[in-house]
Amino acid sequence: MNVELTRFKVKEGKTEKVDEWLKFLNDNMKDVLLTLEDEKMYVETIFRETLNGEVYLYWYSVQGEGGQAVEESESWIDKKHLQFWDECIDPTFRPVDLNTEVVMIPEKVRKAMD
C-alpha cells in the first residue's frame, strides 16, 4: 500500500481554472469514483493552499499496489482531468513529496482495501 502526500504548484493566473477543475471533479463524483477502481486508489483527496501569493495543490492518496496509471485510462473523466492538469500545474516546479512518518489505518479497514 502506498500512502502519499505531494505538493504541486499552480501556474500563475490559473486559479479560476483550478476552481473550474475542482468543481468538475465534485460535480462528476459518481464517475470519478468509478475510475479509482482500476487505479486501486482507495482514498484520493485534493487540498489547496495559497502561500506567499503562490497557489499549490496537494494530493493525498492511499493506493494499492499494481493499479493502472491515470495516464493509461480511457475514461472521459480521466482524460478531462489530465487536460486540466496540463493547463493548471506548473511543470517547472519540482513536486514535493512529503515524508510519510506514521500510517494509522485500522486493520479492518486495511482488510477491506485488499
PDB file of N, CA and C in Angstrom:
ATOM      1  N   MET A   1       0.845  -1.172   0.000  1.00  0.00           N
ATOM      2  CA  MET A   1       0.000   0.000   0.000  1.00  0.00           C
ATOM      3  C   MET A   1       0.891   1.236   0.000  1.00  0.00           C
ATOM      4  N   ASN A   2       0.557   2.195  -0.846  1.00  0.00           N
ATOM      5  CA  ASN A   2       1.282   3.463  -0.933  1.00  0.00           C
ATOM      6  C   ASN A   2       0.433   4.577  -0.331  1.00  0.00           C
ATOM      7  N   VAL A   3       1.006   5.291   0.622  1.00  0.00           N
ATOM      8  CA  VAL A   3       0.353   6.454   1.219  1.00  0.00           C
ATOM      9  C   VAL A   3       1.233   7.642   0.879  1.00  0.00           C
ATOM     10  N   GLU A   4       0.661   8.626   0.162  1.00  0.00           N
ATOM     11  CA  GLU A   4       1.450   9.746  -0.335  1.00  0.00           C
ATOM     12  C   GLU A   4       0.743  11.078  -0.124  1.00  0.00           C
ATOM     13  N   LEU A   5       1.569  12.106   0.042  1.00  0.00           N
ATOM     14  CA  LEU A   5       1.105  13.488   0.042  1.00  0.00           C
ATOM     15  C   LEU A   5       2.126  14.281  -0.767  1.00  0.00           C
ATOM     16  N   THR A   6       1.676  14.872  -1.865  1.00  0.00           N
ATOM     17  CA  THR A   6       2.567  15.583  -2.774  1.00  0.00           C
ATOM     18  C   THR A   6       2.018  16.969  -3.063  1.00  0.00           C
ATOM     19  N   ARG A   7       2.932  17.950  -3.098  1.00  0.00           N
ATOM     20  CA  ARG A   7       2.564  19.337  -3.387  1.00  0.00           C
ATOM     21  C   ARG A   7       2.966  19.690  -4.818  1.00  0.00           C
ATOM     22  N   PHE A   8       2.022  20.312  -5.538  1.00  0.00           N
ATOM     23  CA  PHE A   8       2.241  20.777  -6.904  1.00  0.00           C
ATOM     24  C   PHE A   8       1.917  22.269  -6.954  1.00  0.00           C
ATOM     25  N   LYS A   9       2.672  23.001  -7.737  1.00  0.00           N
ATOM     26  CA  LYS A   9       2.430  24.442  -7.875  1.00  0.00           C
ATOM     27  C   LYS A   9       1.497  24.688  -9.057  1.00  0.00           C
ATOM     28  N   VAL A  10       0.561  25.602  -8.850  1.00  0.00           N
ATOM     29  CA  VAL A  10      -0.373  26.013  -9.899  1.00  0.00           C
ATOM     30  C   VAL A  10       0.291  27.124 -10.713  1.00  0.00           C
ATOM     31  N   LYS A  11       0.125  27.056 -12.031  1.00  0.00           N
ATOM     32  CA  LYS A  11       0.659  28.101 -12.898  1.00  0.00           C
ATOM     33  C   LYS A  11       0.029  29.446 -12.530  1.00  0.00           C
ATOM     34  N   GLU A  12       0.827  30.496 -12.656  1.00  0.00           N
ATOM     35  CA  GLU A  12       0.335  31.836 -12.379  1.00  0.00           C
ATOM     36  C   GLU A  12      -0.854  32.148 -13.288  1.00  0.00           C
ATOM     37  N   GLY A  13      -1.897  32.738 -12.710  1.00  0.00           N
ATOM     38  CA  GLY A  13      -3.076  33.129 -13.479  1.00  0.00           C
ATOM     39  C   GLY A  13      -4.070  32.008 -13.729  1.00  0.00           C
ATOM     40  N   LYS A  14      -3.857  30.844 -13.130  1.00  0.00           N
ATOM     41  CA  LYS A  14      -4.745  29.699 -13.382  1.00  0.00           C
ATOM     42  C   LYS A  14      -5.657  29.358 -12.201  1.00  0.00           C
ATOM     43  N   THR A  15      -5.776  30.262 -11.245  1.00  0.00           N
ATOM     44  CA  THR A  15      -6.604  29.988 -10.067  1.00  0.00           C
ATOM     45  C   THR A  15      -8.063  29.739 -10.442  1.00  0.00           C
ATOM     46  N   GLU A  16      -8.609  30.554 -11.353  1.00  0.00           N
ATOM     47  CA  GLU A  16     -10.005  30.359 -11.762  1.00  0.00           C
ATOM     48  C   GLU A  16     -10.177  29.031 -12.494  1.00  0.00           C
ATOM     49  N   LYS A  17      -9.177  28.628 -13.264  1.00  0.00           N
ATOM     50  CA  LYS A  17      -9.244  27.342 -13.964  1.00  0.00           C
ATOM     51  C   LYS A  17      -9.192  26.197 -12.953  1.00  0.00           C
ATOM     52  N   VAL A  18      -8.412  26.374 -11.877  1.00  0.00           N
ATOM     53  CA  VAL A  18      -8.381  25.371 -10.810  1.00  0.00           C
ATOM     54  C   VAL A  18      -9.759  25.271 -10.160  1.00  0.00           C
ATOM     55  N   ASP A  19     -10.406  26.437  -9.934  1.00  0.00           N
ATOM     56  CA  ASP A  19     -11.776  26.419  -9.400  1.00  0.00           C
ATOM     57  C   ASP A  19     -12.680  25.569 -10.289  1.00  0.00           C
ATOM     58  N   GLU A  20     -12.571  25.775 -11.599  1.00  0.00           N
ATOM     59  CA  GLU A  20     -13.377  25.027 -12.564  1.00  0.00           C
ATOM     60  C   GLU A  20     -13.039  23.539 -12.500  1.00  0.00           C
ATOM     61  N   TRP A  21     -11.763  23.204 -12.396  1.00  0.00           N
ATOM     62  CA  TRP A  21     -11.300  21.816 -12.331  1.00  0.00           C
ATOM     63  C   TRP A  21     -11.870  21.099 -11.103  1.00  0.00           C
ATOM     64  N   LEU A  22     -11.726  21.720  -9.939  1.00  0.00           N
ATOM     65  CA  LEU A  22     -12.200  21.084  -8.719  1.00  0.00           C
ATOM     66  C   LEU A  22     -13.716  20.975  -8.709  1.00  0.00           C
ATOM     67  N   LYS A  23     -14.393  21.963  -9.265  1.00  0.00           N
ATOM     68  CA  LYS A  23     -15.856  21.889  -9.396  1.00  0.00           C
ATOM     69  C   LYS A  23     -16.239  20.741 -10.324  1.00  0.00           C
ATOM     70  N   PHE A  24     -15.520  20.585 -11.418  1.00  0.00           N
ATOM     71  CA  PHE A  24     -15.759  19.492 -12.350  1.00  0.00           C
ATOM     72  C   PHE A  24     -15.650  18.138 -11.635  1.00  0.00           C
ATOM     73  N   LEU A  25     -14.609  17.969 -10.848  1.00  0.00           N
ATOM     74  CA  LEU A  25     -14.443  16.707 -10.124  1.00  0.00           C
ATOM     75  C   LEU A  25     -15.577  16.491  -9.130  1.00  0.00           C
ATOM     76  N   ASN A  26     -15.917  17.521  -8.370  1.00  0.00           N
ATOM     77  CA  ASN A  26     -17.010  17.397  -7.399  1.00  0.00           C
ATOM     78  C   ASN A  26     -18.356  17.147  -8.078  1.00  0.00           C
ATOM     79  N   ASP A  27     -18.601  17.834  -9.193  1.00  0.00           N
ATOM     80  CA  ASP A  27     -19.881  17.682  -9.898  1.00  0.00           C
ATOM     81  C   ASP A  27     -20.027  16.318 -10.570  1.00  0.00           C
ATOM     82  N   ASN A  28     -18.913  15.655 -10.838  1.00  0.00           N
ATOM     83  CA  ASN A  28     -18.930  14.358 -11.525  1.00  0.00           C
ATOM     84  C   ASN A  28     -18.398  13.243 -10.626  1.00  0.00           C
ATOM     85  N   MET A  29     -18.609  13.385  -9.325  1.00  0.00           N
ATOM     86  CA  MET A  29     -18.016  12.458  -8.363  1.00  0.00           C
ATOM     87  C   MET A  29     -18.401  11.002  -8.611  1.00  0.00           C
ATOM     88  N   LYS A  30     -19.621  10.738  -9.023  1.00  0.00           N
ATOM     89  CA  LYS A  30     -20.035   9.351  -9.276  1.00  0.00           C
ATOM     90  C   LYS A  30     -19.109   8.711 -10.313  1.00  0.00           C
ATOM     91  N   ASP A  31     -18.838   9.412 -11.407  1.00  0.00           N
ATOM     92  CA  ASP A  31     -17.963   8.888 -12.450  1.00  0.00           C
ATOM     93  C   ASP A  31     -16.498   8.904 -12.020  1.00  0.00           C
ATOM     94  N   VAL A  32     -16.106   9.908 -11.237  1.00  0.00           N
ATOM     95  CA  VAL A  32     -14.738   9.972 -10.721  1.00  0.00           C
ATOM     96  C   VAL A  32     -14.448   8.732  -9.886  1.00  0.00           C
ATOM     97  N   LEU A  33     -15.364   8.390  -9.007  1.00  0.00           N
ATOM     98  CA  LEU A  33     -15.152   7.242  -8.129  1.00  0.00           C
ATOM     99  C   LEU A  33     -15.021   5.937  -8.905  1.00  0.00           C
ATOM    100  N   LEU A  34     -15.705   5.835 -10.031  1.00  0.00           N
ATOM    101  CA  LEU A  34     -15.591   4.629 -10.860  1.00  0.00           C
ATOM    102  C   LEU A  34     -14.176   4.455 -11.414  1.00  0.00           C
ATOM    103  N   THR A  35     -13.515   5.561 -11.712  1.00  0.00           N
ATOM    104  CA  THR A  35     -12.160   5.472 -12.280  1.00  0.00           C
ATOM    105  C   THR A  35     -11.139   5.024 -11.240  1.00  0.00           C
ATOM    106  N   LEU A  36     -11.432   5.217  -9.969  1.00  0.00           N
ATOM    107  CA  LEU A  36     -10.481   4.864  -8.927  1.00  0.00           C
ATOM    108  C   LEU A  36     -10.288   3.356  -8.790  1.00  0.00           C
ATOM    109  N   GLU A  37     -11.288   2.591  -9.191  1.00  0.00           N
ATOM    110  CA  GLU A  37     -11.210   1.125  -9.086  1.00  0.00           C
ATOM    111  C   GLU A  37      -9.995   0.573  -9.818  1.00  0.00           C
ATOM    112  N   ASP A  38      -9.839   0.922 -11.097  1.00  0.00           N
ATOM    113  CA  ASP A  38      -8.730   0.403 -11.891  1.00  0.00           C
ATOM    114  C   ASP A  38      -7.375   0.890 -11.378  1.00  0.00           C
ATOM    115  N   GLU A  39      -7.360   2.036 -10.743  1.00  0.00           N
ATOM    116  CA  GLU A  39      -6.120   2.588 -10.201  1.00  0.00           C
ATOM    117  C   GLU A  39      -5.758   1.974  -8.850  1.00  0.00           C
ATOM    118  N   LYS A  40      -6.681   1.166  -8.302  1.00  0.00           N
ATOM    119  CA  LYS A  40      -6.542   0.641  -6.939  1.00  0.00           C
ATOM    120  C   LYS A  40      -6.329   1.791  -5.952  1.00  0.00           C
ATOM    121  N   MET A  41      -7.030   2.883  -6.234  1.00  0.00           N
ATOM    122  CA  MET A  41      -6.956   4.080  -5.403  1.00  0.00           C
ATOM    123  C   MET A  41      -8.060   3.994  -4.359  1.00  0.00           C
ATOM    124  N   TYR A  42      -7.674   3.845  -3.101  1.00  0.00           N
ATOM    125  CA  TYR A  42      -8.648   3.699  -2.026  1.00  0.00           C
ATOM    126  C   TYR A  42      -9.120   5.049  -1.503  1.00  0.00           C
ATOM    127  N   VAL A  43      -8.194   6.003  -1.442  1.00  0.00           N
ATOM    128  CA  VAL A  43      -8.510   7.356  -0.977  1.00  0.00           C
ATOM    129  C   VAL A  43      -7.698   8.319  -1.829  1.00  0.00           C
ATOM    130  N   GLU A  44      -8.349   9.342  -2.346  1.00  0.00           N
ATOM    131  CA  GLU A  44      -7.640  10.409  -3.044  1.00  0.00           C
ATOM    132  C   GLU A  44      -8.309  11.719  -2.652  1.00  0.00           C
ATOM    133  N   THR A  45      -7.512  12.638  -2.151  1.00  0.00           N
ATOM    134  CA  THR A  45      -8.025  13.906  -1.664  1.00  0.00           C
ATOM    135  C   THR A  45      -7.133  15.017  -2.189  1.00  0.00           C
ATOM    136  N   ILE A  46      -7.752  16.114  -2.621  1.00  0.00           N
ATOM    137  CA  ILE A  46      -7.000  17.266  -3.116  1.00  0.00           C
ATOM    138  C   ILE A  46      -7.218  18.428  -2.154  1.00  0.00           C
ATOM    139  N   PHE A  47      -6.113  19.041  -1.738  1.00  0.00           N
ATOM    140  CA  PHE A  47      -6.145  20.217  -0.886  1.00  0.00           C
ATOM    141  C   PHE A  47      -5.564  21.388  -1.665  1.00  0.00           C
ATOM    142  N   ARG A  48      -5.957  22.599  -1.281  1.00  0.00           N
ATOM    143  CA  ARG A  48      -5.418  23.803  -1.910  1.00  0.00           C
ATOM    144  C   ARG A  48      -4.854  24.714  -0.825  1.00  0.00           C
ATOM    145  N   GLU A  49      -3.733  25.356  -1.147  1.00  0.00           N
ATOM    146  CA  GLU A  49      -3.113  26.304  -0.220  1.00  0.00           C
ATOM    147  C   GLU A  49      -2.558  27.476  -1.018  1.00  0.00           C
ATOM    148  N   THR A  50      -2.704  28.673  -0.459  1.00  0.00           N
ATOM    149  CA  THR A  50      -2.036  29.849  -1.008  1.00  0.00           C
ATOM    150  C   THR A  50      -0.961  30.236  -0.003  1.00  0.00           C
ATOM    151  N   LEU A  51       0.283  30.286  -0.482  1.00  0.00           N
ATOM    152  CA  LEU A  51       1.422  30.556   0.375  1.00  0.00           C
ATOM    153  C   LEU A  51       2.308  31.587  -0.307  1.00  0.00           C
ATOM    154  N   ASN A  52       2.485  32.731   0.342  1.00  0.00           N
ATOM    155  CA  ASN A  52       3.288  33.819  -0.223  1.00  0.00           C
ATOM    156  C   ASN A  52       2.822  34.202  -1.631  1.00  0.00           C
ATOM    157  N   GLY A  53       1.510  34.210  -1.823  1.00  0.00           N
ATOM    158  CA  GLY A  53       0.938  34.611  -3.105  1.00  0.00           C
ATOM    159  C   GLY A  53       0.939  33.534  -4.174  1.00  0.00           C
ATOM    160  N   GLU A  54       1.496  32.374  -3.886  1.00  0.00           N
ATOM    161  CA  GLU A  54       1.526  31.254  -4.835  1.00  0.00           C
ATOM    162  C   GLU A  54       0.461  30.240  -4.435  1.00  0.00           C
ATOM    163  N   VAL A  55      -0.171  29.634  -5.442  1.00  0.00           N
ATOM    164  CA  VAL A  55      -1.210  28.632  -5.180  1.00  0.00           C
ATOM    165  C   VAL A  55      -0.621  27.247  -5.401  1.00  0.00           C
ATOM    166  N   TYR A  56      -0.909  26.360  -4.448  1.00  0.00           N
ATOM    167  CA  TYR A  56      -0.432  24.980  -4.511  1.00  0.00           C
ATOM    168  C   TYR A  56      -1.614  24.037  -4.339  1.00  0.00           C
ATOM    169  N   LEU A  57      -1.538  22.898  -5.012  1.00  0.00           N
ATOM    170  CA  LEU A  57      -2.476  21.807  -4.792  1.00  0.00           C
ATOM    171  C   LEU A  57      -1.698  20.649  -4.193  1.00  0.00           C
ATOM    172  N   TYR A  58      -2.313  20.005  -3.214  1.00  0.00           N
ATOM    173  CA  TYR A  58      -1.717  18.844  -2.561  1.00  0.00           C
ATOM    174  C   TYR A  58      -2.596  17.631  -2.857  1.00  0.00           C
ATOM    175  N   TRP A  59      -1.962  16.540  -3.253  1.00  0.00           N
ATOM    176  CA  TRP A  59      -2.672  15.287  -3.467  1.00  0.00           C
ATOM    177  C   TRP A  59      -2.305  14.337  -2.346  1.00  0.00           C
ATOM    178  N   TYR A  60      -3.319  13.887  -1.605  1.00  0.00           N
ATOM    179  CA  TYR A  60      -3.143  12.856  -0.589  1.00  0.00           C
ATOM    180  C   TYR A  60      -3.803  11.602  -1.132  1.00  0.00           C
ATOM    181  N   SER A  61      -3.078  10.493  -1.072  1.00  0.00           N
ATOM    182  CA  SER A  61      -3.661   9.264  -1.594  1.00  0.00           C
ATOM    183  C   SER A  61      -3.224   8.050  -0.799  1.00  0.00           C
ATOM    184  N   VAL A  62      -4.112   7.074  -0.788  1.00  0.00           N
ATOM    185  CA  VAL A  62      -3.841   5.741  -0.270  1.00  0.00           C
ATOM    186  C   VAL A  62      -4.187   4.809  -1.423  1.00  0.00           C
ATOM    187  N   GLN A  63      -3.160   4.117  -1.930  1.00  0.00           N
ATOM    188  CA  GLN A  63      -3.327   3.339  -3.153  1.00  0.00           C
ATOM    189  C   GLN A  63      -2.718   1.954  -2.984  1.00  0.00           C
ATOM    190  N   GLY A  64      -3.401   0.965  -3.539  1.00  0.00           N
ATOM    191  CA  GLY A  64      -2.882  -0.390  -3.543  1.00  0.00           C
ATOM    192  C   GLY A  64      -1.802  -0.562  -4.601  1.00  0.00           C
ATOM    193  N   GLU A  65      -1.150  -1.685  -4.549  1.00  0.00           N
ATOM    194  CA  GLU A  65      -0.074  -1.998  -5.498  1.00  0.00           C
ATOM    195  C   GLU A  65      -0.652  -2.428  -6.846  1.00  0.00           C
ATOM    196  N   GLY A  66       0.030  -2.044  -7.924  1.00  0.00           N
ATOM    197  CA  GLY A  66      -0.307  -2.557  -9.249  1.00  0.00           C
ATOM    198  C   GLY A  66      -1.505  -1.928  -9.925  1.00  0.00           C
ATOM    199  N   GLY A  67      -1.921  -0.762  -9.487  1.00  0.00           N
ATOM    200  CA  GLY A  67      -3.062  -0.099 -10.124  1.00  0.00           C
ATOM    201  C   GLY A  67      -2.674   0.536 -11.447  1.00  0.00           C
ATOM    202  N   GLN A  68      -3.686   0.769 -12.261  1.00  0.00           N
ATOM    203  CA  GLN A  68      -3.491   1.423 -13.554  1.00  0.00           C
ATOM    204  C   GLN A  68      -3.143   2.896 -13.352  1.00  0.00           C
ATOM    205  N   ALA A  69      -2.191   3.397 -14.120  1.00  0.00           N
ATOM    206  CA  ALA A  69      -1.855   4.823 -14.073  1.00  0.00           C
ATOM    207  C   ALA A  69      -2.980   5.617 -14.717  1.00  0.00           C
ATOM    208  N   VAL A  70      -3.263   6.790 -14.169  1.00  0.00           N
ATOM    209  CA  VAL A  70      -4.336   7.630 -14.706  1.00  0.00           C
ATOM    210  C   VAL A  70      -4.088   7.956 -16.179  1.00  0.00           C
ATOM    211  N   GLU A  71      -2.822   8.059 -16.567  1.00  0.00           N
ATOM    212  CA  GLU A  71      -2.475   8.376 -17.957  1.00  0.00           C
ATOM    213  C   GLU A  71      -2.861   7.255 -18.926  1.00  0.00           C
ATOM    214  N   GLU A  72      -3.065   6.045 -18.418  1.00  0.00           N
ATOM    215  CA  GLU A  72      -3.439   4.892 -19.248  1.00  0.00           C
ATOM    216  C   GLU A  72      -4.950   4.717 -19.368  1.00  0.00           C
ATOM    217  N   SER A  73      -5.689   5.498 -18.613  1.00  0.00           N
ATOM    218  CA  SER A  73      -7.138   5.349 -18.563  1.00  0.00           C
ATOM    219  C   SER A  73      -7.799   5.813 -19.865  1.00  0.00           C
ATOM    220  N   GLU A  74      -8.859   5.126 -20.237  1.00  0.00           N
ATOM    221  CA  GLU A  74      -9.675   5.522 -21.389  1.00  0.00           C
ATOM    222  C   GLU A  74     -10.915   6.310 -20.962  1.00  0.00           C
ATOM    223  N   SER A  75     -11.086   6.514 -19.668  1.00  0.00           N
ATOM    224  CA  SER A  75     -12.253   7.211 -19.135  1.00  0.00           C
ATOM    225  C   SER A  75     -12.269   8.680 -19.541  1.00  0.00           C
ATOM    226  N   TRP A  76     -13.426   9.175 -19.921  1.00  0.00           N
ATOM    227  CA  TRP A  76     -13.567  10.587 -20.281  1.00  0.00           C
ATOM    228  C   TRP A  76     -13.241  11.484 -19.090  1.00  0.00           C
ATOM    229  N   ILE A  77     -13.554  11.023 -17.885  1.00  0.00           N
ATOM    230  CA  ILE A  77     -13.256  11.798 -16.670  1.00  0.00           C
ATOM    231  C   ILE A  77     -11.750  11.981 -16.535  1.00  0.00           C
ATOM    232  N   ASP A  78     -11.009  10.892 -16.684  1.00  0.00           N
ATOM    233  CA  ASP A  78      -9.555  10.974 -16.545  1.00  0.00           C
ATOM    234  C   ASP A  78      -8.931  11.807 -17.655  1.00  0.00           C
ATOM    235  N   LYS A  79      -9.448  11.698 -18.857  1.00  0.00           N
ATOM    236  CA  LYS A  79      -8.921  12.496 -19.971  1.00  0.00           C
ATOM    237  C   LYS A  79      -9.122  13.997 -19.696  1.00  0.00           C
ATOM    238  N   LYS A  80     -10.314  14.350 -19.208  1.00  0.00           N
ATOM    239  CA  LYS A  80     -10.603  15.750 -18.875  1.00  0.00           C
ATOM    240  C   LYS A  80      -9.743  16.211 -17.685  1.00  0.00           C
ATOM    241  N   HIS A  81      -9.598  15.339 -16.702  1.00  0.00           N
ATOM    242  CA  HIS A  81      -8.764  15.621 -15.535  1.00  0.00           C
ATOM    243  C   HIS A  81      -7.332  15.931 -15.972  1.00  0.00           C
ATOM    244  N   LEU A  82      -6.781  15.155 -16.879  1.00  0.00           N
ATOM    245  CA  LEU A  82      -5.414  15.377 -17.364  1.00  0.00           C
ATOM    246  C   LEU A  82      -5.301  16.652 -18.192  1.00  0.00           C
ATOM    247  N   GLN A  83      -6.378  17.026 -18.901  1.00  0.00           N
ATOM    248  CA  GLN A  83      -6.373  18.305 -19.625  1.00  0.00           C
ATOM    249  C   GLN A  83      -6.262  19.466 -18.634  1.00  0.00           C
ATOM    250  N   PHE A  84      -7.060  19.402 -17.565  1.00  0.00           N
ATOM    251  CA  PHE A  84      -6.969  20.423 -16.522  1.00  0.00           C
ATOM    252  C   PHE A  84      -5.559  20.438 -15.924  1.00  0.00           C
ATOM    253  N   TRP A  85      -5.024  19.258 -15.653  1.00  0.00           N
ATOM    254  CA  TRP A  85      -3.684  19.147 -15.077  1.00  0.00           C
ATOM    255  C   TRP A  85      -2.671  19.883 -15.951  1.00  0.00           C
ATOM    256  N   ASP A  86      -2.678  19.564 -17.244  1.00  0.00           N
ATOM    257  CA  ASP A  86      -1.724  20.182 -18.169  1.00  0.00           C
ATOM    258  C   ASP A  86      -1.873  21.702 -18.218  1.00  0.00           C
ATOM    259  N   GLU A  87      -3.102  22.176 -18.107  1.00  0.00           N
ATOM    260  CA  GLU A  87      -3.340  23.612 -18.169  1.00  0.00           C
ATOM    261  C   GLU A  87      -2.974  24.327 -16.865  1.00  0.00           C
ATOM    262  N   CYS A  88      -3.109  23.640 -15.740  1.00  0.00           N
ATOM    263  CA  CYS A  88      -3.004  24.310 -14.445  1.00  0.00           C
ATOM    264  C   CYS A  88      -1.723  24.058 -13.656  1.00  0.00           C
ATOM    265  N   ILE A  89      -1.111  22.898 -13.802  1.00  0.00           N
ATOM    266  CA  ILE A  89       0.046  22.547 -12.967  1.00  0.00           C
ATOM    267  C   ILE A  89       1.338  23.003 -13.630  1.00  0.00           C
ATOM    268  N   ASP A  90       2.152  23.701 -12.868  1.00  0.00           N
ATOM    269  CA  ASP A  90       3.415  24.267 -13.349  1.00  0.00           C
ATOM    270  C   ASP A  90       4.462  23.156 -13.500  1.00  0.00           C
ATOM    271  N   PRO A  91       4.844  22.835 -14.745  1.00  0.00           N
ATOM    272  CA  PRO A  91       5.810  21.744 -14.948  1.00  0.00           C
ATOM    273  C   PRO A  91       7.247  22.129 -14.576  1.00  0.00           C
ATOM    274  N   THR A  92       7.499  23.423 -14.350  1.00  0.00           N
ATOM    275  CA  THR A  92       8.853  23.845 -13.982  1.00  0.00           C
ATOM    276  C   THR A  92       9.102  23.724 -12.476  1.00  0.00           C
ATOM    277  N   PHE A  93       8.031  23.507 -11.706  1.00  0.00           N
ATOM    278  CA  PHE A  93       8.144  23.338 -10.258  1.00  0.00           C
ATOM    279  C   PHE A  93       8.274  21.851  -9.959  1.00  0.00           C
ATOM    280  N   ARG A  94       9.336  21.493  -9.278  1.00  0.00           N
ATOM    281  CA  ARG A  94       9.517  20.080  -8.926  1.00  0.00           C
ATOM    282  C   ARG A  94       8.544  19.717  -7.806  1.00  0.00           C
ATOM    283  N   PRO A  95       7.656  18.735  -8.029  1.00  0.00           N
ATOM    284  CA  PRO A  95       6.699  18.353  -6.986  1.00  0.00           C
ATOM    285  C   PRO A  95       7.428  17.964  -5.698  1.00  0.00           C
ATOM    286  N   VAL A  96       6.807  18.261  -4.583  1.00  0.00           N
ATOM    287  CA  VAL A  96       7.385  17.967  -3.275  1.00  0.00           C
ATOM    288  C   VAL A  96       6.607  16.816  -2.653  1.00  0.00           C
ATOM    289  N   ASP A  97       7.286  15.685  -2.466  1.00  0.00           N
ATOM    290  CA  ASP A  97       6.693  14.546  -1.766  1.00  0.00           C
ATOM    291  C   ASP A  97       7.017  14.686  -0.287  1.00  0.00           C
ATOM    292  N   LEU A  98       5.976  14.816   0.522  1.00  0.00           N
ATOM    293  CA  LEU A  98       6.191  14.894   1.958  1.00  0.00           C
ATOM    294  C   LEU A  98       6.486  13.492   2.487  1.00  0.00           C
ATOM    295  N   ASN A  99       7.287  13.410   3.529  1.00  0.00           N
ATOM    296  CA  ASN A  99       7.668  12.112   4.085  1.00  0.00           C
ATOM    297  C   ASN A  99       6.528  11.522   4.895  1.00  0.00           C
ATOM    298  N   THR A 100       6.225  10.272   4.628  1.00  0.00           N
ATOM    299  CA  THR A 100       5.232   9.541   5.416  1.00  0.00           C
ATOM    300  C   THR A 100       5.928   9.039   6.673  1.00  0.00           C
ATOM    301  N   GLU A 101       5.443   9.455   7.817  1.00  0.00           N
ATOM    302  CA  GLU A 101       6.050   9.077   9.089  1.00  0.00           C
ATOM    303  C   GLU A 101       5.227   8.040   9.842  1.00  0.00           C
ATOM    304  N   VAL A 102       3.919   8.185   9.824  1.00  0.00           N
ATOM    305  CA  VAL A 102       3.036   7.274  10.546  1.00  0.00           C
ATOM    306  C   VAL A 102       1.792   7.064   9.692  1.00  0.00           C
ATOM    307  N   VAL A 103       1.386   5.815   9.535  1.00  0.00           N
ATOM    308  CA  VAL A 103       0.151   5.486   8.825  1.00  0.00           C
ATOM    309  C   VAL A 103      -0.776   4.813   9.822  1.00  0.00           C
ATOM    310  N   MET A 104      -1.920   5.428  10.049  1.00  0.00           N
ATOM    311  CA  MET A 104      -2.878   4.894  11.017  1.00  0.00           C
ATOM    312  C   MET A 104      -4.149   4.477  10.287  1.00  0.00           C
ATOM    313  N   ILE A 105      -4.207   3.213   9.944  1.00  0.00           N
ATOM    314  CA  ILE A 105      -5.377   2.653   9.285  1.00  0.00           C
ATOM    315  C   ILE A 105      -5.749   1.396  10.057  1.00  0.00           C
ATOM    316  N   PRO A 106      -6.927   1.366  10.659  1.00  0.00           N
ATOM    317  CA  PRO A 106      -7.331   0.182  11.417  1.00  0.00           C
ATOM    318  C   PRO A 106      -7.297  -1.078  10.542  1.00  0.00           C
ATOM    319  N   GLU A 107      -6.995  -2.199  11.175  1.00  0.00           N
ATOM    320  CA  GLU A 107      -6.845  -3.467  10.458  1.00  0.00           C
ATOM    321  C   GLU A 107      -8.083  -3.829   9.643  1.00  0.00           C
ATOM    322  N   LYS A 108      -9.284  -3.593  10.185  1.00  0.00           N
ATOM    323  CA  LYS A 108     -10.486  -3.960   9.440  1.00  0.00           C
ATOM    324  C   LYS A 108     -10.620  -3.111   8.166  1.00  0.00           C
ATOM    325  N   VAL A 109     -10.134  -1.869   8.217  1.00  0.00           N
ATOM    326  CA  VAL A 109     -10.163  -1.019   7.020  1.00  0.00           C
ATOM    327  C   VAL A 109      -9.108  -1.496   6.027  1.00  0.00           C
ATOM    328  N   ARG A 110      -7.911  -1.847   6.522  1.00  0.00           N
ATOM    329  CA  ARG A 110      -6.858  -2.386   5.640  1.00  0.00           C
ATOM    330  C   ARG A 110      -7.350  -3.639   4.921  1.00  0.00           C
ATOM    331  N   LYS A 111      -8.017  -4.519   5.630  1.00  0.00           N
ATOM    332  CA  LYS A 111      -8.524  -5.754   5.018  1.00  0.00           C
ATOM    333  C   LYS A 111      -9.546  -5.449   3.937  1.00  0.00           C
ATOM    334  N   ALA A 112     -10.359  -4.433   4.166  1.00  0.00           N
ATOM    335  CA  ALA A 112     -11.366  -4.051   3.167  1.00  0.00           C
ATOM    336  C   ALA A 112     -10.707  -3.487   1.914  1.00  0.00           C
ATOM    337  N   MET A 113      -9.497  -2.955   2.055  1.00  0.00           N
ATOM    338  CA  MET A 113      -8.780  -2.386   0.923  1.00  0.00           C
ATOM    339  C   MET A 113      -8.161  -3.456   0.034  1.00  0.00           C
ATOM    340  N   ASP A 114      -7.904  -4.616   0.582  1.00  0.00           N
ATOM    341  CA  ASP A 114      -7.252  -5.683  -0.197  1.00  0.00           C
ATOM    342  C   ASP A 114      -8.136  -6.257  -1.267  1.00  0.00           C
TER     343      ASP A 114
END
